[in-house]
């Protein structure tokens, strides 16, 4: 199995905001092309990689979905050379002041291959309305400063231009990585490990490896790709909340102690039981993650697509989700990829006959 770290870092450097995923999609296509039999894009831009099984046709198929889009910002106005902006996906305004960003400018004088460097800034406290002093400043009161003149900004930047975080990936130690967009590029890396392992192994079923678009703004790519591909069942890999400062209660999970197995109405009970038993057999540590309603992942979309698809969801713990400094343990990524690969390779041609709603 190849070292996944260089690929993951390349994913983290790429922008690929929701609705604008092309830069990261091209990186994934290049990595997946030797690992799959066919590769294509949906009409919305989700990436589909097909690995054919060794059963006679027609074969059952399993869809493994990971979203490749990231949260970020979008320019809403130009004001005296500064940029007003809004968020794309859920961005916590508390972490924005002082963040370095890339403005992907599209104006008449802009170079599409050379984004503008900028910083998210907030006015000094005495310049803010009295009711905002010493409080968290919301996005509508923040600016992006590129240090360019108002005329230069007008020539380079357009309302609607996207803005991505510029924080480079950082090795905290040999097994822990920090960076933006680990939600959900960490899961893309896990699916890539799964494909690497299955490349040299037999599997009866067809596998659809899918990097979906626009999860952060409505699960859009998962809805449409699942409807298009009509898999027999679906496995969704996403991130979940890791334990950290101020977040140590029952609904967070430790780094480097394995992935989580989602459990709730969004999850097929027999799939959950099968994954749990397999993880125990393989001695892969896993925690059960309770999701009493919507799981907040592409699993909701895969489950209700077409006439309903039996779905399982797996979470990779990360700290500081939806910030530019998310943190992940690499061993959790590797364990997740291996668990999914082992599950797929073990599925027999009659597996669907065992898929009852009783766990």
Protein backbone atom coordinates (compact mmCIF):
# COMPACT_ATOMS: atom_id res chain seq x y z
CA UNK A 1 0.00 0.00 0.00
CA UNK A 2 1.36 3.40 -0.95
CA UNK A 3 2.05 6.08 1.67
CA UNK A 4 -1.17 8.11 1.75
CA UNK A 5 0.33 11.25 3.31
CA UNK A 6 1.63 12.99 0.15
CA UNK A 7 -1.74 12.49 -1.57
CA UNK A 8 -3.63 13.76 1.47
CA UNK A 9 -1.46 16.87 1.70
CA UNK A 10 -2.06 17.54 -1.99
CA UNK A 11 -5.80 17.31 -1.34
CA UNK A 12 -5.53 19.76 1.56
CA UNK A 13 -3.70 22.36 -0.49
CA UNK A 14 -6.37 22.33 -3.23
CA UNK A 15 -9.41 24.65 -2.81
CA UNK A 16 -12.47 22.77 -4.15
CA UNK A 17 -15.26 24.61 -2.33
CA UNK A 18 -18.85 23.35 -2.58
CA UNK A 19 -19.99 23.92 -6.14
CA UNK A 20 -16.43 24.60 -7.29
CA UNK A 21 -14.78 21.21 -6.79
CA UNK A 22 -12.82 20.93 -10.06
CA UNK A 23 -9.33 21.57 -8.58
CA UNK A 24 -9.60 18.74 -6.05
CA UNK A 25 -11.52 16.49 -8.46
CA UNK A 26 -8.61 16.56 -10.90
CA UNK A 27 -6.20 15.45 -8.16
CA UNK A 28 -8.46 12.56 -7.14
CA UNK A 29 -8.96 11.48 -10.75
CA UNK A 30 -5.22 11.25 -11.24
CA UNK A 31 -4.81 9.12 -8.09
CA UNK A 32 -7.78 6.86 -8.78
CA UNK A 33 -7.23 6.23 -12.48
CA UNK A 34 -4.77 3.31 -11.99
CA UNK A 35 -6.99 1.83 -9.26
CA UNK A 36 -10.33 1.58 -11.11
CA UNK A 37 -11.60 0.13 -14.39
CA UNK A 38 -13.59 3.19 -15.45
CA UNK A 39 -13.78 6.77 -14.27
CA UNK A 40 -16.36 9.43 -15.09
CA UNK A 41 -18.13 12.54 -13.82
CA UNK A 42 -21.78 12.97 -13.02
CA UNK A 43 -23.67 15.90 -14.51
CA UNK A 44 -23.08 17.82 -11.27
CA UNK A 45 -19.38 16.93 -11.13
CA UNK A 46 -19.25 14.05 -8.65
CA UNK A 47 -16.44 11.64 -9.49
CA UNK A 48 -17.41 7.99 -10.18
CA UNK A 49 -14.78 5.23 -10.22
CA UNK A 50 -15.94 1.72 -11.15
CA UNK A 51 -14.10 -1.43 -10.06
CA UNK A 52 -15.74 -4.47 -11.65
CA UNK A 53 -16.38 -7.57 -9.56
CA UNK A 54 -15.60 -11.12 -10.59
CA UNK A 55 -19.17 -12.43 -10.63
CA UNK A 56 -20.97 -12.92 -13.88
CA UNK A 57 -23.08 -9.98 -15.04
CA UNK A 58 -25.36 -8.54 -13.87
CA UNK A 59 -23.56 -8.06 -10.54
CA UNK A 60 -24.70 -6.37 -7.34
CA UNK A 61 -22.86 -3.13 -6.61
CA UNK A 62 -21.76 -1.23 -3.53
CA UNK A 63 -21.34 2.54 -3.57
CA UNK A 64 -18.67 3.99 -1.27
CA UNK A 65 -19.23 7.73 -0.97
CA UNK A 66 -16.92 10.43 0.37
CA UNK A 67 -17.57 14.10 -0.27
CA UNK A 68 -14.70 16.07 -1.74
CA UNK A 69 -16.08 19.62 -1.32
CA UNK A 70 -14.82 22.01 1.33
CA UNK A 71 -16.21 24.96 3.22
CA UNK A 72 -14.92 28.44 2.46
CA UNK A 73 -15.93 31.98 1.60
CA UNK A 74 -17.36 33.98 -1.33
CA UNK A 75 -16.99 37.67 -2.20
CA UNK A 76 -20.24 39.63 -1.87
CA UNK A 77 -18.99 43.17 -2.39
CA UNK A 78 -16.04 45.54 -2.82
CA UNK A 79 -15.69 48.42 -0.36
CA UNK A 80 -12.81 50.88 -0.65
CA UNK A 81 -10.44 48.13 -1.75
CA UNK A 82 -11.57 45.66 0.92
CA UNK A 83 -13.71 42.61 0.22
CA UNK A 84 -17.02 41.85 1.86
CA UNK A 85 -17.84 38.14 1.94
CA UNK A 86 -20.19 35.38 3.04
CA UNK A 87 -19.63 31.75 3.89
CA UNK A 88 -19.92 28.69 1.65
CA UNK A 89 -20.97 25.87 3.95
CA UNK A 90 -20.85 26.26 7.71
CA UNK A 91 -17.97 28.53 8.76
CA UNK A 92 -17.59 29.58 12.40
CA UNK A 93 -16.93 33.36 12.43
CA UNK A 94 -14.97 33.04 15.69
CA UNK A 95 -12.00 31.51 13.84
CA UNK A 96 -11.92 33.90 10.89
CA UNK A 97 -10.11 37.08 12.06
CA UNK A 98 -6.42 36.75 11.24
CA UNK A 99 -6.83 33.85 8.84
CA UNK A 100 -4.74 33.87 5.67
CA UNK A 101 -6.84 33.21 2.56
CA UNK A 102 -6.58 32.85 -1.20
CA UNK A 103 -8.95 34.96 -3.32
CA UNK A 104 -9.60 33.14 -6.59
CA UNK A 105 -10.12 36.28 -8.61
CA UNK A 106 -11.90 36.28 -11.98
CA UNK A 107 -11.81 39.94 -13.02
CA UNK A 108 -10.52 41.14 -16.42
CA UNK A 109 -6.95 41.63 -15.16
CA UNK A 110 -6.84 38.51 -12.96
CA UNK A 111 -4.59 35.52 -13.54
CA UNK A 112 -6.70 32.36 -12.97
CA UNK A 113 -3.56 30.43 -12.05
CA UNK A 114 -2.39 32.93 -9.45
CA UNK A 115 -4.91 33.65 -6.66
CA UNK A 116 -4.58 36.79 -4.57
CA UNK A 117 -3.24 36.49 -1.06
CA UNK A 118 -5.31 38.13 1.64
CA UNK A 119 -6.17 38.21 5.32
CA UNK A 120 -9.49 38.19 7.11
CA UNK A 121 -9.59 41.28 9.31
CA UNK A 122 -11.99 42.97 11.68
CA UNK A 123 -12.31 46.67 12.53
CA UNK A 124 -10.84 47.86 15.81
CA UNK A 125 -13.28 47.59 18.71
CA UNK A 126 -13.80 51.37 18.98
CA UNK A 127 -14.91 51.50 15.32
CA UNK A 128 -17.63 48.90 15.79
CA UNK A 129 -21.19 49.63 16.93
CA UNK A 130 -21.31 49.76 20.71
CA UNK A 131 -23.40 46.59 20.93
CA UNK A 132 -20.63 44.63 19.10
CA UNK A 133 -17.69 45.70 21.25
CA UNK A 134 -15.93 42.75 22.92
CA UNK A 135 -18.20 40.22 21.21
CA UNK A 136 -17.69 37.67 18.44
CA UNK A 137 -17.77 39.64 15.20
CA UNK A 138 -20.11 38.14 12.63
CA UNK A 139 -19.19 37.68 8.98
CA UNK A 140 -21.10 40.76 7.82
CA UNK A 141 -18.72 42.95 9.88
CA UNK A 142 -15.50 41.31 8.68
CA UNK A 143 -13.37 42.14 5.64
CA UNK A 144 -10.66 40.61 3.48
CA UNK A 145 -7.61 42.82 2.99
CA UNK A 146 -5.39 42.10 -0.05
CA UNK A 147 -3.31 45.30 0.42
CA UNK A 148 -4.21 46.34 -3.12
CA UNK A 149 -5.61 49.73 -4.08
CA UNK A 150 -9.36 50.09 -4.71
CA UNK A 151 -8.69 50.40 -8.45
CA UNK A 152 -6.55 47.26 -8.53
CA UNK A 153 -9.21 45.35 -6.62
CA UNK A 154 -11.90 46.47 -9.09
CA UNK A 155 -9.78 45.18 -11.97
CA UNK A 156 -9.06 41.83 -10.35
CA UNK A 157 -11.96 40.76 -8.15
CA UNK A 158 -15.60 40.11 -8.97
CA UNK A 159 -18.59 39.57 -6.73
CA UNK A 160 -19.05 35.79 -6.59
CA UNK A 161 -15.33 34.95 -6.57
CA UNK A 162 -14.53 32.14 -4.14
CA UNK A 163 -12.09 32.43 -1.26
CA UNK A 164 -10.28 29.41 0.20
CA UNK A 165 -8.24 29.00 3.36
CA UNK A 166 -4.49 29.24 2.80
CA UNK A 167 -3.27 27.36 5.88
CA UNK A 168 -0.75 24.76 4.67
CA UNK A 169 -0.92 21.20 6.07
CA UNK A 170 1.20 20.79 9.19
CA UNK A 171 2.75 17.58 10.54
CA UNK A 172 2.18 17.80 14.29
CA UNK A 173 4.06 14.53 14.75
CA UNK A 174 4.71 11.37 12.77
CA UNK A 175 1.07 10.25 13.03
CA UNK A 176 -0.99 13.45 13.36
CA UNK A 177 -1.77 16.03 10.68
CA UNK A 178 -3.41 19.46 10.89
CA UNK A 179 -4.96 21.47 8.09
CA UNK A 180 -8.14 22.81 6.56
CA UNK A 181 -10.59 20.59 4.61
CA UNK A 182 -9.77 17.37 6.46
CA UNK A 183 -13.56 17.27 6.50
CA UNK A 184 -13.78 15.44 4.18
CA UNK A 185 -10.47 14.97 2.36
CA UNK A 186 -9.42 12.56 5.15
CA UNK A 187 -12.27 10.29 4.04
CA UNK A 188 -11.21 10.59 0.39
CA UNK A 189 -7.79 9.36 1.51
CA UNK A 190 -9.42 6.43 3.37
CA UNK A 191 -11.39 5.44 0.27
CA UNK A 192 -8.18 5.63 -1.77
CA UNK A 193 -6.50 3.22 0.68
CA UNK A 194 -9.51 0.93 0.26
CA UNK A 195 -9.08 0.98 -3.53
CA UNK A 196 -5.35 0.30 -3.21
CA UNK A 197 -6.01 -2.78 -1.10
CA UNK A 198 -8.76 -4.09 -3.38
CA UNK A 199 -6.64 -3.65 -6.50
CA UNK A 200 -4.79 -6.88 -5.70
CA UNK A 201 -7.70 -8.76 -4.14
CA UNK A 202 -10.76 -10.59 -5.40
CA UNK A 203 -14.19 -9.05 -4.87
CA UNK A 204 -17.45 -10.44 -6.13
CA UNK A 205 -19.34 -7.15 -6.28
CA UNK A 206 -18.90 -4.10 -8.46
CA UNK A 207 -17.58 -1.14 -6.49
CA UNK A 208 -18.54 2.45 -7.18
CA UNK A 209 -15.99 4.75 -5.53
CA UNK A 210 -17.66 8.16 -5.46
CA UNK A 211 -16.27 11.55 -4.46
CA UNK A 212 -19.41 13.62 -4.15
CA UNK A 213 -19.92 17.34 -4.65
CA UNK A 214 -21.82 19.86 -2.54
CA UNK A 215 -22.25 17.82 0.64
CA UNK A 216 -21.67 20.91 2.75
CA UNK A 217 -24.58 22.77 1.16
CA UNK A 218 -27.20 20.01 0.96
CA UNK A 219 -25.82 16.52 0.15
CA UNK A 220 -26.52 17.32 -3.50
CA UNK A 221 -23.93 15.06 -5.11
CA UNK A 222 -24.88 12.06 -2.98
CA UNK A 223 -28.55 12.35 -3.89
CA UNK A 224 -27.88 12.54 -7.61
CA UNK A 225 -25.06 9.97 -7.85
CA UNK A 226 -26.94 7.37 -5.83
CA UNK A 227 -30.01 7.88 -8.00
CA UNK A 228 -27.90 7.60 -11.16
CA UNK A 229 -25.88 4.53 -10.14
CA UNK A 230 -28.61 2.64 -8.23
CA UNK A 231 -26.25 0.57 -6.03
CA UNK A 232 -27.45 -2.44 -4.07
CA UNK A 233 -26.13 -0.85 -0.88
CA UNK A 234 -24.06 2.17 0.17
CA UNK A 235 -21.20 2.89 2.56
CA UNK A 236 -20.51 6.53 3.46
CA UNK A 237 -17.19 7.65 4.95
CA UNK A 238 -17.13 11.07 6.62
CA UNK A 239 -15.49 12.73 9.60
CA UNK A 240 -16.80 13.06 13.14
CA UNK A 241 -15.97 15.01 16.30
CA UNK A 242 -12.82 14.04 18.15
CA UNK A 243 -12.20 14.71 21.81
CA UNK A 244 -10.33 17.92 22.51
CA UNK A 245 -10.41 21.04 24.70
CA UNK A 246 -13.98 21.57 25.86
CA UNK A 247 -15.29 18.57 23.91
CA UNK A 248 -14.74 15.46 25.98
CA UNK A 249 -18.24 14.15 26.53
CA UNK A 250 -20.03 11.05 25.24
CA UNK A 251 -20.60 12.30 21.69
CA UNK A 252 -16.91 12.88 20.89
CA UNK A 253 -14.28 10.25 20.14
CA UNK A 254 -10.53 9.98 20.79
CA UNK A 255 -7.94 10.46 18.08
CA UNK A 256 -5.93 7.40 17.03
CA UNK A 257 -8.42 4.96 18.59
CA UNK A 258 -10.15 3.97 15.36
CA UNK A 259 -13.19 5.13 13.39
CA UNK A 260 -16.80 5.28 14.54
CA UNK A 261 -19.65 3.11 13.32
CA UNK A 262 -22.81 5.20 13.05
CA UNK A 263 -25.96 3.78 14.63
CA UNK A 264 -29.46 5.21 14.27
CA UNK A 265 -32.45 5.39 11.89
CA UNK A 266 -30.16 6.54 9.05
CA UNK A 267 -28.24 3.23 9.25
CA UNK A 268 -29.26 -0.26 8.13
CA UNK A 269 -29.13 -2.46 11.28
CA UNK A 270 -27.70 -5.55 9.58
CA UNK A 271 -24.93 -3.53 7.92
CA UNK A 272 -24.03 -1.96 11.27
CA UNK A 273 -23.90 -5.39 12.92
CA UNK A 274 -21.81 -6.84 10.08
CA UNK A 275 -19.27 -4.00 10.28
CA UNK A 276 -19.08 -4.23 14.07
CA UNK A 277 -18.45 -7.99 13.97
CA UNK A 278 -15.84 -7.62 11.23
CA UNK A 279 -13.99 -4.87 13.13
CA UNK A 280 -13.87 -7.08 16.22
CA UNK A 281 -12.58 -10.00 14.16
CA UNK A 282 -9.85 -7.84 12.59
CA UNK A 283 -9.03 -6.22 15.95
CA UNK A 284 -9.70 -2.78 14.48
CA UNK A 285 -10.88 -0.56 17.35
CA UNK A 286 -14.20 1.16 16.63
CA UNK A 287 -16.67 3.18 18.68
CA UNK A 288 -20.43 3.25 18.15
CA UNK A 289 -21.64 6.75 17.25
CA UNK A 290 -25.29 7.44 18.09
CA UNK A 291 -27.16 9.55 15.55
CA UNK A 292 -30.78 9.69 16.65
CA UNK A 293 -31.95 11.61 13.60
CA UNK A 294 -30.25 12.86 10.43
CA UNK A 295 -26.62 11.70 10.51
CA UNK A 296 -25.40 14.99 8.99
CA UNK A 297 -23.60 13.05 6.26
CA UNK A 298 -24.14 11.82 2.71
CA UNK A 299 -25.65 8.70 4.32
CA UNK A 300 -28.99 10.48 4.58
CA UNK A 301 -29.02 11.07 0.82
CA UNK A 302 -27.88 7.56 -0.11
CA UNK A 303 -30.45 5.99 2.19
CA UNK A 304 -33.47 7.75 0.65
CA UNK A 305 -32.40 7.83 -3.01
CA UNK A 306 -34.59 6.03 -5.55
CA UNK A 307 -36.61 3.38 -3.67
CA UNK A 308 -34.21 3.36 -0.70
CA UNK A 309 -30.65 2.03 -0.42
CA UNK A 310 -29.42 0.09 2.67
CA UNK A 311 -26.70 2.37 4.05
CA UNK A 312 -23.82 2.27 6.54
CA UNK A 313 -21.79 5.30 7.69
CA UNK A 314 -18.30 5.41 9.19
CA UNK A 315 -16.71 8.44 10.89
CA UNK A 316 -13.04 9.44 11.11
CA UNK A 317 -12.53 11.55 14.27
CA UNK A 318 -11.07 15.02 13.73
CA UNK A 319 -10.57 17.90 16.14
CA UNK A 320 -11.74 21.46 15.46
CA UNK A 321 -14.14 20.55 12.65
CA UNK A 322 -15.01 23.31 10.16
CA UNK A 323 -11.97 25.39 11.04
CA UNK A 324 -8.72 25.91 9.10
CA UNK A 325 -6.83 23.83 11.71
CA UNK A 326 -8.63 20.48 11.78
CA UNK A 327 -6.54 17.62 13.22
CA UNK A 328 -6.59 13.93 12.29
CA UNK A 329 -4.65 10.80 13.23
CA UNK A 330 -3.32 9.04 10.14
CA UNK A 331 -3.85 5.60 11.68
CA UNK A 332 -7.61 6.30 11.86
CA UNK A 333 -7.60 6.97 8.11
CA UNK A 334 -5.68 3.75 7.41
CA UNK A 335 -7.92 1.67 9.68
CA UNK A 336 -11.02 3.01 7.99
CA UNK A 337 -9.72 2.21 4.51
CA UNK A 338 -8.71 -1.30 5.56
CA UNK A 339 -12.05 -2.01 7.29
CA UNK A 340 -14.07 -1.02 4.22
CA UNK A 341 -11.79 -3.03 1.91
CA UNK A 342 -12.10 -6.13 4.10
CA UNK A 343 -15.87 -5.78 4.22
CA UNK A 344 -16.22 -5.46 0.45
CA UNK A 345 -13.88 -8.34 -0.32
CA UNK A 346 -15.85 -10.59 2.04
CA UNK A 347 -19.27 -9.89 0.48
CA UNK A 348 -20.63 -12.97 -1.30
CA UNK A 349 -23.05 -13.02 -4.21
CA UNK A 350 -25.96 -13.84 -1.86
CA UNK A 351 -25.14 -11.16 0.73
CA UNK A 352 -28.29 -9.20 -0.11
CA UNK A 353 -30.41 -12.20 0.89
CA UNK A 354 -29.09 -11.88 4.44
CA UNK A 355 -29.81 -8.16 4.67
CA UNK A 356 -32.86 -8.21 6.92
CA UNK A 357 -34.01 -5.20 8.93
CA UNK A 358 -33.47 -7.10 12.16
CA UNK A 359 -30.00 -6.47 13.57
